[in-house]
């Protein structure tokens, strides 16, 4: 009889925990306050939550029991890719949860420089590029916690992730196309770009790259 009572009590406690975990998950997936949402005009008007609000949200929901660790970076061509581990203590289950965030930033170089010419980078540019990379990795890790941290803000832009291989030639051409700051000039040079690069990149791909740049100008 005592064993049955103990089992019943354990099941009741377990059910209570599940209920509390479910309630906490509901909070994680609440729609973020519109006042905390910003627009990045340089990235197709994508929405994001500033780092300061994410940190305050972590303090609020996890009672300050969170930290970041294992920030790692690797230079690739003229970019730096990185990852960071966000660790939070679940306030109900008392289990440490680990989330990995990743990101990449471009090393700022002087206009017209070769992609791999690191001597052409602006002096001390890494003093802001590295913190920027860490912030993007941190933001990416926060997304995995739930909607309240911005998970679905850009669902209209990222409805499906399809990995795409980008060749070195495409990267070089993209650098050239990105230097155009005038629609008329880009339009006048589009045919020349196609003729110059069509042996290395398909014409449709070149036209798509030019059209995308034209649309952004």
N, C-alpha and C. Protein backbone atom coordinates (compact mmCIF):
# COMPACT_ATOMS: atom_id res chain seq x y z
N UNK A 1 0.83 -1.20 0.00
CA UNK A 1 0.00 0.00 0.00
C UNK A 1 0.87 1.26 0.00
N UNK A 2 1.89 1.26 0.85
CA UNK A 2 2.78 2.41 0.92
C UNK A 2 3.49 2.63 -0.41
N UNK A 3 3.87 1.52 -1.08
CA UNK A 3 4.54 1.63 -2.39
C UNK A 3 3.61 2.28 -3.41
N UNK A 4 2.32 1.90 -3.36
CA UNK A 4 1.35 2.47 -4.29
C UNK A 4 1.15 3.95 -4.01
N UNK A 5 1.13 4.32 -2.74
CA UNK A 5 0.98 5.73 -2.37
C UNK A 5 2.18 6.54 -2.83
N UNK A 6 3.38 5.95 -2.67
CA UNK A 6 4.60 6.63 -3.10
C UNK A 6 4.61 6.83 -4.61
N UNK A 7 4.19 5.76 -5.34
CA UNK A 7 4.14 5.85 -6.80
C UNK A 7 3.15 6.92 -7.25
N UNK A 8 2.00 6.96 -6.61
CA UNK A 8 0.98 7.95 -6.96
C UNK A 8 1.50 9.37 -6.69
N UNK A 9 2.21 9.53 -5.58
CA UNK A 9 2.77 10.84 -5.23
C UNK A 9 3.83 11.26 -6.24
N UNK A 10 4.69 10.29 -6.63
CA UNK A 10 5.74 10.59 -7.62
C UNK A 10 5.12 11.00 -8.96
N UNK A 11 4.05 10.30 -9.35
CA UNK A 11 3.40 10.63 -10.62
C UNK A 11 2.77 12.01 -10.57
N UNK A 12 2.23 12.37 -9.40
CA UNK A 12 1.62 13.69 -9.24
C UNK A 12 2.68 14.78 -9.37
N UNK A 13 3.83 14.56 -8.72
CA UNK A 13 4.94 15.52 -8.79
C UNK A 13 5.43 15.65 -10.22
N UNK A 14 5.57 14.49 -10.90
CA UNK A 14 6.05 14.49 -12.27
C UNK A 14 5.08 15.23 -13.19
N UNK A 15 3.79 15.02 -12.98
CA UNK A 15 2.77 15.71 -13.77
C UNK A 15 2.82 17.20 -13.54
N UNK A 16 3.04 17.61 -12.29
CA UNK A 16 3.16 19.04 -11.97
C UNK A 16 4.34 19.67 -12.69
N UNK A 17 5.46 18.94 -12.73
CA UNK A 17 6.65 19.45 -13.41
C UNK A 17 6.38 19.63 -14.89
N UNK A 18 5.77 18.60 -15.50
CA UNK A 18 5.45 18.69 -16.92
C UNK A 18 4.54 19.89 -17.20
N UNK A 19 3.60 20.12 -16.31
CA UNK A 19 2.68 21.25 -16.48
C UNK A 19 3.42 22.57 -16.42
N UNK A 20 4.34 22.69 -15.46
CA UNK A 20 5.11 23.93 -15.31
C UNK A 20 6.05 24.14 -16.49
N UNK A 21 6.65 23.04 -16.97
CA UNK A 21 7.53 23.13 -18.15
C UNK A 21 6.73 23.61 -19.35
N UNK A 22 5.53 23.07 -19.52
CA UNK A 22 4.67 23.46 -20.64
C UNK A 22 4.31 24.94 -20.55
N UNK A 23 4.03 25.42 -19.34
CA UNK A 23 3.70 26.84 -19.15
C UNK A 23 4.90 27.71 -19.51
N UNK A 24 6.09 27.26 -19.11
CA UNK A 24 7.29 28.03 -19.41
C UNK A 24 7.55 28.05 -20.92
N UNK A 25 7.32 26.91 -21.57
CA UNK A 25 7.49 26.85 -23.03
C UNK A 25 6.53 27.80 -23.74
N UNK A 26 5.33 27.93 -23.20
CA UNK A 26 4.36 28.88 -23.77
C UNK A 26 4.92 30.30 -23.71
N UNK A 27 5.58 30.62 -22.60
CA UNK A 27 6.18 31.95 -22.46
C UNK A 27 7.31 32.15 -23.46
N UNK A 28 8.09 31.09 -23.67
CA UNK A 28 9.20 31.17 -24.64
C UNK A 28 8.69 31.46 -26.04
N UNK A 29 7.49 31.01 -26.34
CA UNK A 29 6.96 31.14 -27.70
C UNK A 29 5.93 32.25 -27.84
N UNK A 30 5.94 33.17 -26.88
CA UNK A 30 5.08 34.34 -27.03
C UNK A 30 5.64 35.27 -28.10
N UNK A 31 4.76 35.99 -28.78
CA UNK A 31 5.20 36.96 -29.79
C UNK A 31 5.94 38.10 -29.11
N UNK A 32 7.13 38.46 -29.61
CA UNK A 32 7.89 39.54 -28.97
C UNK A 32 7.19 40.89 -29.06
N UNK A 33 7.47 41.73 -28.10
CA UNK A 33 6.89 43.07 -28.07
C UNK A 33 7.33 43.85 -29.31
N UNK A 34 6.38 44.36 -30.12
CA UNK A 34 6.74 45.12 -31.34
C UNK A 34 7.70 46.28 -31.07
N UNK A 35 7.64 46.84 -29.86
CA UNK A 35 8.52 47.96 -29.52
C UNK A 35 9.99 47.54 -29.51
N UNK A 36 10.24 46.23 -29.32
CA UNK A 36 11.61 45.74 -29.24
C UNK A 36 12.15 45.25 -30.58
N UNK A 37 11.33 45.33 -31.61
CA UNK A 37 11.73 44.83 -32.92
C UNK A 37 12.27 45.97 -33.79
N UNK A 38 13.43 45.75 -34.38
CA UNK A 38 14.06 46.74 -35.24
C UNK A 38 14.10 46.22 -36.68
N UNK A 39 14.32 47.14 -37.63
CA UNK A 39 14.40 46.79 -39.05
C UNK A 39 15.81 47.05 -39.56
N UNK A 40 16.38 46.04 -40.24
CA UNK A 40 17.71 46.19 -40.85
C UNK A 40 17.52 46.50 -42.33
N UNK A 41 17.63 47.77 -42.68
CA UNK A 41 17.39 48.19 -44.07
C UNK A 41 18.46 47.67 -45.02
N UNK A 42 19.62 47.30 -44.50
CA UNK A 42 20.70 46.80 -45.34
C UNK A 42 20.58 45.29 -45.61
N UNK A 43 19.57 44.66 -45.03
CA UNK A 43 19.38 43.21 -45.22
C UNK A 43 17.93 42.92 -45.58
N UNK A 44 17.49 43.52 -46.68
CA UNK A 44 16.13 43.30 -47.19
C UNK A 44 15.05 43.65 -46.17
N UNK A 45 15.33 44.66 -45.35
CA UNK A 45 14.36 45.10 -44.33
C UNK A 45 13.96 43.96 -43.39
N UNK A 46 14.92 43.10 -43.10
CA UNK A 46 14.65 41.99 -42.18
C UNK A 46 14.50 42.54 -40.76
N UNK A 47 13.75 41.81 -39.95
CA UNK A 47 13.49 42.22 -38.58
C UNK A 47 14.47 41.55 -37.62
N UNK A 48 14.78 42.23 -36.54
CA UNK A 48 15.66 41.65 -35.53
C UNK A 48 15.41 42.30 -34.17
N UNK A 49 15.83 41.59 -33.14
CA UNK A 49 15.74 42.12 -31.77
C UNK A 49 17.15 42.51 -31.33
N UNK A 50 17.36 43.74 -30.91
CA UNK A 50 18.70 44.18 -30.48
C UNK A 50 19.27 43.32 -29.36
N UNK A 51 20.59 43.24 -29.32
CA UNK A 51 21.29 42.42 -28.33
C UNK A 51 20.90 42.79 -26.91
N UNK A 52 20.77 44.07 -26.62
CA UNK A 52 20.45 44.50 -25.25
C UNK A 52 19.11 43.92 -24.79
N UNK A 53 18.12 43.87 -25.69
CA UNK A 53 16.82 43.32 -25.32
C UNK A 53 16.90 41.80 -25.14
N UNK A 54 17.71 41.14 -25.98
CA UNK A 54 17.89 39.69 -25.82
C UNK A 54 18.51 39.37 -24.47
N UNK A 55 19.50 40.16 -24.08
CA UNK A 55 20.15 39.94 -22.78
C UNK A 55 19.17 40.17 -21.63
N UNK A 56 18.36 41.22 -21.74
CA UNK A 56 17.37 41.48 -20.69
C UNK A 56 16.33 40.37 -20.64
N UNK A 57 15.96 39.85 -21.82
CA UNK A 57 15.00 38.75 -21.88
C UNK A 57 15.55 37.50 -21.22
N UNK A 58 16.82 37.22 -21.46
CA UNK A 58 17.47 36.07 -20.82
C UNK A 58 17.50 36.25 -19.31
N UNK A 59 17.85 37.46 -18.86
CA UNK A 59 17.87 37.74 -17.42
C UNK A 59 16.49 37.53 -16.80
N UNK A 60 15.46 37.95 -17.53
CA UNK A 60 14.10 37.88 -17.01
C UNK A 60 13.60 36.43 -16.97
N UNK A 61 13.76 35.70 -18.07
CA UNK A 61 13.18 34.36 -18.16
C UNK A 61 14.00 33.28 -17.46
N UNK A 62 15.32 33.49 -17.42
CA UNK A 62 16.18 32.47 -16.80
C UNK A 62 16.82 32.98 -15.50
N UNK A 63 16.25 34.07 -14.98
CA UNK A 63 16.66 34.60 -13.67
C UNK A 63 18.15 34.88 -13.60
N UNK A 64 18.69 35.31 -14.71
CA UNK A 64 20.12 35.64 -14.77
C UNK A 64 21.04 34.44 -14.84
N UNK A 65 20.47 33.24 -14.87
CA UNK A 65 21.29 32.02 -14.89
C UNK A 65 21.59 31.60 -16.34
N UNK A 66 22.46 32.38 -16.98
CA UNK A 66 22.86 32.07 -18.34
C UNK A 66 24.27 32.60 -18.59
N UNK A 67 24.91 32.05 -19.60
CA UNK A 67 26.26 32.49 -19.94
C UNK A 67 26.58 32.06 -21.37
N UNK A 68 27.61 32.65 -21.93
CA UNK A 68 28.11 32.23 -23.23
C UNK A 68 29.53 31.70 -23.05
N UNK A 69 29.88 30.73 -23.89
CA UNK A 69 31.22 30.14 -23.81
C UNK A 69 31.61 29.56 -25.17
N UNK A 70 32.88 29.20 -25.27
CA UNK A 70 33.41 28.55 -26.47
C UNK A 70 33.19 29.37 -27.74
N UNK A 71 33.49 30.66 -27.68
CA UNK A 71 33.41 31.49 -28.89
C UNK A 71 34.59 31.14 -29.79
N UNK A 72 34.29 30.65 -31.00
CA UNK A 72 35.33 30.21 -31.93
C UNK A 72 35.20 30.95 -33.26
N UNK A 73 36.34 31.28 -33.87
CA UNK A 73 36.31 31.99 -35.15
C UNK A 73 37.30 31.36 -36.13
N UNK A 74 36.98 31.48 -37.40
CA UNK A 74 37.86 30.99 -38.46
C UNK A 74 37.79 31.94 -39.65
N UNK A 75 38.94 32.44 -40.14
CA UNK A 75 38.92 33.29 -41.33
C UNK A 75 38.78 32.44 -42.59
N UNK A 76 37.89 32.87 -43.49
CA UNK A 76 37.72 32.21 -44.79
C UNK A 76 37.67 33.31 -45.84
N UNK A 77 38.70 33.35 -46.70
CA UNK A 77 38.81 34.41 -47.70
C UNK A 77 38.75 35.77 -46.99
N UNK A 78 37.78 36.62 -47.39
CA UNK A 78 37.69 37.94 -46.75
C UNK A 78 36.57 37.99 -45.71
N UNK A 79 36.23 36.83 -45.16
CA UNK A 79 35.21 36.77 -44.13
C UNK A 79 35.72 36.03 -42.89
N UNK A 80 35.02 36.23 -41.80
CA UNK A 80 35.29 35.49 -40.57
C UNK A 80 34.01 34.78 -40.17
N UNK A 81 34.06 33.49 -40.02
CA UNK A 81 32.90 32.73 -39.55
C UNK A 81 33.14 32.36 -38.10
N UNK A 82 32.07 32.23 -37.36
CA UNK A 82 32.24 31.93 -35.94
C UNK A 82 31.06 31.18 -35.36
N UNK A 83 31.25 30.70 -34.15
CA UNK A 83 30.18 30.03 -33.41
C UNK A 83 30.36 30.32 -31.93
N UNK A 84 29.25 30.23 -31.21
CA UNK A 84 29.29 30.47 -29.77
C UNK A 84 28.26 29.56 -29.11
N UNK A 85 28.50 29.22 -27.86
CA UNK A 85 27.59 28.35 -27.13
C UNK A 85 26.87 29.16 -26.06
N UNK A 86 25.55 29.17 -26.14
CA UNK A 86 24.72 29.83 -25.14
C UNK A 86 24.22 28.76 -24.17
N UNK A 87 24.45 28.98 -22.89
CA UNK A 87 24.06 28.01 -21.86
C UNK A 87 23.08 28.68 -20.90
N UNK A 88 21.91 28.05 -20.72
CA UNK A 88 20.89 28.60 -19.82
C UNK A 88 20.42 27.51 -18.86
N UNK A 89 20.07 27.92 -17.66
CA UNK A 89 19.54 26.98 -16.67
C UNK A 89 18.02 27.05 -16.70
N UNK A 90 17.38 25.95 -17.11
CA UNK A 90 15.92 25.93 -17.18
C UNK A 90 15.37 26.13 -15.77
N UNK A 91 14.55 27.15 -15.55
CA UNK A 91 14.08 27.46 -14.19
C UNK A 91 13.13 26.43 -13.59
N UNK A 92 12.57 25.55 -14.41
CA UNK A 92 11.65 24.54 -13.90
C UNK A 92 12.33 23.18 -13.77
N UNK A 93 12.92 22.71 -14.84
CA UNK A 93 13.55 21.38 -14.81
C UNK A 93 14.91 21.40 -14.13
N UNK A 94 15.50 22.61 -13.97
CA UNK A 94 16.83 22.78 -13.36
C UNK A 94 17.93 22.07 -14.17
N UNK A 95 17.71 21.98 -15.48
CA UNK A 95 18.69 21.36 -16.38
C UNK A 95 19.36 22.45 -17.20
N UNK A 96 20.68 22.34 -17.35
CA UNK A 96 21.40 23.30 -18.18
C UNK A 96 21.17 22.96 -19.65
N UNK A 97 20.69 23.93 -20.42
CA UNK A 97 20.44 23.76 -21.84
C UNK A 97 21.53 24.45 -22.64
N UNK A 98 21.99 23.81 -23.71
CA UNK A 98 23.06 24.35 -24.54
C UNK A 98 22.54 24.63 -25.95
N UNK A 99 22.78 25.83 -26.44
CA UNK A 99 22.38 26.20 -27.79
C UNK A 99 23.58 26.78 -28.53
N UNK A 100 23.81 26.29 -29.75
CA UNK A 100 24.93 26.76 -30.55
C UNK A 100 24.44 27.79 -31.56
N UNK A 101 25.12 28.94 -31.62
CA UNK A 101 24.80 29.97 -32.61
C UNK A 101 25.97 30.17 -33.55
N UNK A 102 25.68 30.46 -34.81
CA UNK A 102 26.73 30.64 -35.80
C UNK A 102 26.48 31.92 -36.59
N UNK A 103 27.54 32.46 -37.18
CA UNK A 103 27.42 33.68 -37.97
C UNK A 103 28.66 33.94 -38.78
N UNK A 104 28.62 34.99 -39.58
CA UNK A 104 29.76 35.36 -40.41
C UNK A 104 29.73 36.86 -40.66
N UNK A 105 30.89 37.47 -40.73
CA UNK A 105 31.00 38.90 -41.08
C UNK A 105 32.10 39.06 -42.11
N UNK A 106 31.97 40.10 -42.92
CA UNK A 106 32.97 40.38 -43.94
C UNK A 106 34.04 41.31 -43.37
N UNK A 107 35.30 41.01 -43.66
CA UNK A 107 36.40 41.90 -43.27
C UNK A 107 36.38 43.09 -44.22
N UNK A 108 36.27 44.28 -43.69
CA UNK A 108 36.16 45.47 -44.54
C UNK A 108 37.48 45.77 -45.22
N UNK A 109 37.40 45.86 -46.56
CA UNK A 109 38.60 46.13 -47.37
C UNK A 109 38.39 47.41 -48.19
N UNK A 110 39.50 47.93 -48.69
CA UNK A 110 39.44 49.12 -49.52
C UNK A 110 38.80 48.79 -50.86
N UNK A 111 38.06 49.72 -51.41
CA UNK A 111 37.33 49.52 -52.66
C UNK A 111 38.28 49.13 -53.79
N UNK A 112 37.87 48.12 -54.56
CA UNK A 112 38.65 47.69 -55.71
C UNK A 112 39.76 46.71 -55.39
N UNK A 113 39.91 46.32 -54.14
CA UNK A 113 40.99 45.40 -53.75
C UNK A 113 40.62 43.96 -54.10
N UNK A 114 41.62 43.10 -54.21
CA UNK A 114 41.40 41.69 -54.48
C UNK A 114 40.78 41.01 -53.25
N UNK A 115 39.97 40.00 -53.51
CA UNK A 115 39.25 39.32 -52.45
C UNK A 115 40.18 38.78 -51.36
N UNK A 116 41.32 38.23 -51.76
CA UNK A 116 42.22 37.58 -50.82
C UNK A 116 43.33 38.50 -50.31
N UNK A 117 43.30 39.77 -50.69
CA UNK A 117 44.35 40.71 -50.30
C UNK A 117 44.07 41.28 -48.91
N UNK A 118 44.61 40.63 -47.89
CA UNK A 118 44.38 41.08 -46.52
C UNK A 118 45.14 42.37 -46.20
N UNK A 119 46.11 42.72 -47.03
CA UNK A 119 46.81 43.99 -46.83
C UNK A 119 45.92 45.17 -47.18
N UNK A 120 44.82 44.88 -47.87
CA UNK A 120 43.91 45.95 -48.29
C UNK A 120 42.81 46.20 -47.26
N UNK A 121 42.81 45.46 -46.15
CA UNK A 121 41.78 45.69 -45.14
C UNK A 121 42.01 47.03 -44.44
N UNK A 122 40.92 47.63 -44.00
CA UNK A 122 41.04 48.90 -43.29
C UNK A 122 41.75 48.69 -41.95
N UNK A 123 42.54 49.65 -41.58
CA UNK A 123 43.28 49.56 -40.33
C UNK A 123 42.33 49.43 -39.15
N UNK A 124 42.62 48.46 -38.28
CA UNK A 124 41.85 48.22 -37.05
C UNK A 124 40.40 47.80 -37.31
N UNK A 125 40.10 47.37 -38.53
CA UNK A 125 38.70 46.97 -38.82
C UNK A 125 38.25 45.79 -37.96
N UNK A 126 39.19 44.92 -37.57
CA UNK A 126 38.82 43.73 -36.80
C UNK A 126 38.37 44.09 -35.38
N UNK A 127 38.72 45.28 -34.92
CA UNK A 127 38.28 45.69 -33.58
C UNK A 127 36.76 45.84 -33.52
N UNK A 128 36.13 46.07 -34.67
CA UNK A 128 34.66 46.12 -34.70
C UNK A 128 34.07 44.89 -35.40
N UNK A 129 34.84 44.28 -36.30
CA UNK A 129 34.33 43.09 -37.00
C UNK A 129 34.16 41.91 -36.04
N UNK A 130 35.12 41.73 -35.11
CA UNK A 130 35.05 40.59 -34.18
C UNK A 130 33.87 40.73 -33.20
N UNK A 131 33.69 41.90 -32.56
CA UNK A 131 32.52 42.05 -31.69
C UNK A 131 31.21 41.88 -32.46
N UNK A 132 31.19 42.36 -33.70
CA UNK A 132 29.99 42.20 -34.53
C UNK A 132 29.70 40.73 -34.77
N UNK A 133 30.74 39.96 -35.06
CA UNK A 133 30.59 38.52 -35.29
C UNK A 133 30.07 37.83 -34.02
N UNK A 134 30.64 38.18 -32.88
CA UNK A 134 30.20 37.56 -31.63
C UNK A 134 28.73 37.87 -31.35
N UNK A 135 28.33 39.11 -31.64
CA UNK A 135 26.94 39.49 -31.42
C UNK A 135 26.00 38.71 -32.34
N UNK A 136 26.41 38.51 -33.60
CA UNK A 136 25.56 37.77 -34.53
C UNK A 136 25.44 36.30 -34.14
N UNK A 137 26.53 35.72 -33.65
CA UNK A 137 26.50 34.34 -33.17
C UNK A 137 25.58 34.21 -31.96
N UNK A 138 25.68 35.17 -31.07
CA UNK A 138 24.85 35.18 -29.86
C UNK A 138 23.37 35.31 -30.23
N UNK A 139 23.07 36.22 -31.16
CA UNK A 139 21.68 36.41 -31.59
C UNK A 139 21.14 35.13 -32.23
N UNK A 140 21.98 34.46 -33.04
CA UNK A 140 21.57 33.23 -33.70
C UNK A 140 21.28 32.13 -32.69
N UNK A 141 22.07 32.07 -31.62
CA UNK A 141 21.84 31.07 -30.57
C UNK A 141 20.53 31.35 -29.84
N UNK A 142 20.24 32.62 -29.60
CA UNK A 142 19.00 32.99 -28.90
C UNK A 142 17.76 32.60 -29.70
N UNK A 143 17.85 32.65 -31.03
CA UNK A 143 16.70 32.31 -31.87
C UNK A 143 16.16 30.93 -31.57
N UNK A 144 17.07 30.00 -31.23
CA UNK A 144 16.65 28.61 -31.02
C UNK A 144 15.84 28.43 -29.74
N UNK A 145 15.83 29.45 -28.87
CA UNK A 145 15.10 29.32 -27.61
C UNK A 145 13.59 29.46 -27.79
N UNK A 146 13.17 30.21 -28.81
CA UNK A 146 11.74 30.36 -29.03
C UNK A 146 11.37 31.66 -29.72
N UNK A 147 10.09 31.81 -30.02
CA UNK A 147 9.60 32.97 -30.75
C UNK A 147 9.85 34.28 -30.01
N UNK A 148 9.80 34.24 -28.68
CA UNK A 148 9.98 35.47 -27.92
C UNK A 148 11.38 36.04 -28.09
N UNK A 149 12.32 35.21 -28.58
CA UNK A 149 13.68 35.66 -28.84
C UNK A 149 13.91 35.96 -30.33
N UNK A 150 12.82 35.98 -31.10
CA UNK A 150 12.92 36.38 -32.50
C UNK A 150 12.98 35.24 -33.50
N UNK A 151 12.62 34.03 -33.08
CA UNK A 151 12.78 32.87 -33.98
C UNK A 151 12.05 33.05 -35.31
N UNK A 152 10.81 33.52 -35.30
CA UNK A 152 10.00 33.56 -36.53
C UNK A 152 9.84 34.97 -37.12
N UNK A 153 10.66 35.90 -36.70
CA UNK A 153 10.49 37.28 -37.17
C UNK A 153 10.61 37.38 -38.69
N UNK A 154 11.50 36.59 -39.29
CA UNK A 154 11.73 36.70 -40.73
C UNK A 154 11.32 35.45 -41.47
N UNK A 155 10.26 34.83 -41.00
CA UNK A 155 9.81 33.60 -41.66
C UNK A 155 9.48 33.85 -43.12
N UNK A 156 9.02 35.10 -43.44
CA UNK A 156 8.68 35.40 -44.82
C UNK A 156 9.92 35.45 -45.70
N UNK A 157 11.10 35.68 -45.08
CA UNK A 157 12.33 35.71 -45.86
C UNK A 157 13.06 34.37 -45.81
N UNK A 158 12.76 33.56 -44.79
CA UNK A 158 13.51 32.33 -44.60
C UNK A 158 12.56 31.14 -44.42
N UNK A 159 11.58 31.03 -45.31
CA UNK A 159 10.60 29.97 -45.18
C UNK A 159 11.22 28.59 -45.34
N UNK A 160 12.31 28.52 -46.09
CA UNK A 160 12.98 27.23 -46.27
C UNK A 160 14.46 27.49 -46.53
N UNK A 161 15.30 26.74 -45.85
CA UNK A 161 16.75 26.89 -46.04
C UNK A 161 17.23 25.85 -47.03
N UNK A 162 17.80 26.32 -48.15
CA UNK A 162 18.34 25.42 -49.16
C UNK A 162 19.81 25.74 -49.34
N UNK A 163 20.72 24.86 -48.89
CA UNK A 163 22.14 25.11 -49.03
C UNK A 163 22.51 25.34 -50.49
N UNK A 164 23.37 26.30 -50.75
CA UNK A 164 23.79 26.60 -52.11
C UNK A 164 25.30 26.75 -52.16
N UNK A 165 25.92 26.04 -53.10
CA UNK A 165 27.36 26.15 -53.27
C UNK A 165 27.66 27.39 -54.08
N UNK A 166 28.54 28.23 -53.60
CA UNK A 166 28.95 29.45 -54.30
C UNK A 166 30.41 29.31 -54.72
N UNK A 167 30.65 29.34 -56.01
CA UNK A 167 32.00 29.16 -56.53
C UNK A 167 32.85 30.40 -56.28
N UNK A 168 34.15 30.23 -56.42
CA UNK A 168 35.07 31.36 -56.24
C UNK A 168 34.82 32.43 -57.30
N UNK A 169 34.49 31.98 -58.53
CA UNK A 169 34.20 32.94 -59.61
C UNK A 169 32.95 33.76 -59.28
N UNK A 170 31.93 33.11 -58.72
CA UNK A 170 30.72 33.83 -58.34
C UNK A 170 31.00 34.85 -57.25
N UNK A 171 31.88 34.47 -56.32
CA UNK A 171 32.24 35.39 -55.24
C UNK A 171 32.96 36.62 -55.80
N UNK A 172 33.86 36.39 -56.76
CA UNK A 172 34.59 37.51 -57.37
C UNK A 172 33.63 38.43 -58.13
N UNK A 173 32.72 37.80 -58.92
CA UNK A 173 31.77 38.61 -59.68
C UNK A 173 30.85 39.39 -58.76
N UNK A 174 30.41 38.75 -57.67
CA UNK A 174 29.54 39.43 -56.73
C UNK A 174 30.21 40.66 -56.13
N UNK A 175 31.51 40.55 -55.87
CA UNK A 175 32.28 41.69 -55.34
C UNK A 175 32.28 42.83 -56.33
N UNK A 176 32.45 42.50 -57.61
CA UNK A 176 32.44 43.53 -58.67
C UNK A 176 31.07 44.18 -58.77
N UNK A 177 30.03 43.35 -58.79
CA UNK A 177 28.66 43.87 -58.93
C UNK A 177 28.28 44.76 -57.74
N UNK A 178 28.73 44.37 -56.55
CA UNK A 178 28.38 45.14 -55.35
C UNK A 178 29.00 46.53 -55.33
N UNK A 179 30.02 46.75 -56.17
CA UNK A 179 30.66 48.07 -56.23
C UNK A 179 29.83 49.09 -57.00
N UNK A 180 28.87 48.61 -57.78
CA UNK A 180 28.00 49.54 -58.50
C UNK A 180 27.03 50.21 -57.53
N UNK A 181 26.97 51.52 -57.61
CA UNK A 181 26.09 52.29 -56.72
C UNK A 181 25.05 53.09 -57.49
N UNK A 182 25.03 52.89 -58.82
CA UNK A 182 24.12 53.64 -59.68
C UNK A 182 23.38 52.68 -60.61
N UNK A 183 22.06 52.75 -60.63
CA UNK A 183 21.28 51.83 -61.45
C UNK A 183 21.60 51.95 -62.93
N UNK A 184 21.71 53.18 -63.41
CA UNK A 184 21.95 53.40 -64.83
C UNK A 184 23.30 52.82 -65.26
N UNK A 185 24.30 53.01 -64.42
CA UNK A 185 25.63 52.48 -64.73
C UNK A 185 25.63 50.96 -64.75
N UNK A 186 24.95 50.37 -63.76
CA UNK A 186 24.87 48.91 -63.71
C UNK A 186 24.14 48.36 -64.93
N UNK A 187 23.07 49.02 -65.34
CA UNK A 187 22.30 48.58 -66.50
C UNK A 187 23.13 48.64 -67.77
N UNK A 188 23.92 49.70 -67.91
CA UNK A 188 24.74 49.87 -69.11
C UNK A 188 25.88 48.85 -69.18
N UNK A 189 26.31 48.35 -68.02
CA UNK A 189 27.44 47.42 -67.98
C UNK A 189 26.99 45.95 -67.88
N UNK A 190 25.69 45.72 -67.77
CA UNK A 190 25.20 44.36 -67.54
C UNK A 190 25.57 43.41 -68.68
N UNK A 191 25.43 43.86 -69.92
CA UNK A 191 25.75 43.01 -71.06
C UNK A 191 27.23 42.67 -71.09
N UNK A 192 28.05 43.65 -70.74
CA UNK A 192 29.50 43.44 -70.70
C UNK A 192 29.87 42.42 -69.63
N UNK A 193 29.19 42.47 -68.50
CA UNK A 193 29.45 41.52 -67.42
C UNK A 193 29.10 40.10 -67.86
N UNK A 194 27.98 39.97 -68.56
CA UNK A 194 27.57 38.66 -69.04
C UNK A 194 28.59 38.09 -70.01
N UNK A 195 29.02 38.92 -70.96
CA UNK A 195 29.99 38.46 -71.97
C UNK A 195 31.34 38.11 -71.36
N UNK A 196 31.72 38.83 -70.32
CA UNK A 196 33.03 38.61 -69.70
C UNK A 196 33.05 37.34 -68.84
N UNK A 197 31.93 37.05 -68.19
CA UNK A 197 31.91 35.96 -67.21
C UNK A 197 31.13 34.72 -67.64
N UNK A 198 30.50 34.73 -68.81
CA UNK A 198 29.62 33.62 -69.19
C UNK A 198 30.35 32.30 -69.41
N UNK A 199 31.67 32.34 -69.61
CA UNK A 199 32.43 31.10 -69.75
C UNK A 199 32.68 30.42 -68.40
N UNK A 200 32.50 31.18 -67.32
CA UNK A 200 32.75 30.65 -65.98
C UNK A 200 31.47 30.47 -65.17
N UNK A 201 30.47 31.30 -65.48
CA UNK A 201 29.21 31.27 -64.75
C UNK A 201 28.07 31.31 -65.76
N UNK A 202 26.99 30.57 -65.49
CA UNK A 202 25.87 30.55 -66.43
C UNK A 202 25.29 31.95 -66.60
N UNK A 203 24.78 32.21 -67.82
CA UNK A 203 24.21 33.52 -68.10
C UNK A 203 23.04 33.85 -67.18
N UNK A 204 22.20 32.85 -66.92
CA UNK A 204 21.06 33.08 -66.03
C UNK A 204 21.51 33.48 -64.64
N UNK A 205 22.57 32.84 -64.15
CA UNK A 205 23.09 33.16 -62.83
C UNK A 205 23.62 34.59 -62.79
N UNK A 206 24.36 34.97 -63.84
CA UNK A 206 24.91 36.33 -63.91
C UNK A 206 23.79 37.35 -63.92
N UNK A 207 22.77 37.10 -64.75
CA UNK A 207 21.65 38.03 -64.85
C UNK A 207 20.90 38.14 -63.52
N UNK A 208 20.76 37.02 -62.83
CA UNK A 208 20.09 37.04 -61.53
C UNK A 208 20.89 37.87 -60.53
N UNK A 209 22.22 37.73 -60.56
CA UNK A 209 23.07 38.49 -59.65
C UNK A 209 22.97 39.98 -59.94
N UNK A 210 22.98 40.33 -61.24
CA UNK A 210 22.86 41.73 -61.63
C UNK A 210 21.50 42.28 -61.24
N UNK A 211 20.43 41.53 -61.51
CA UNK A 211 19.08 41.97 -61.18
C UNK A 211 18.88 42.16 -59.68
N UNK A 212 19.49 41.27 -58.90
CA UNK A 212 19.38 41.39 -57.44
C UNK A 212 20.04 42.68 -56.95
N UNK A 213 21.22 42.99 -57.52
CA UNK A 213 21.90 44.22 -57.14
C UNK A 213 21.09 45.44 -57.60
N UNK A 214 20.55 45.34 -58.81
CA UNK A 214 19.75 46.45 -59.36
C UNK A 214 18.54 46.73 -58.46
N UNK A 215 17.93 45.64 -57.98
CA UNK A 215 16.75 45.78 -57.12
C UNK A 215 17.08 46.46 -55.81
N UNK A 216 18.30 46.25 -55.31
CA UNK A 216 18.70 46.81 -54.02
C UNK A 216 19.10 48.28 -54.10
N UNK A 217 19.48 48.70 -55.31
CA UNK A 217 19.92 50.11 -55.46
C UNK A 217 18.74 51.08 -55.42
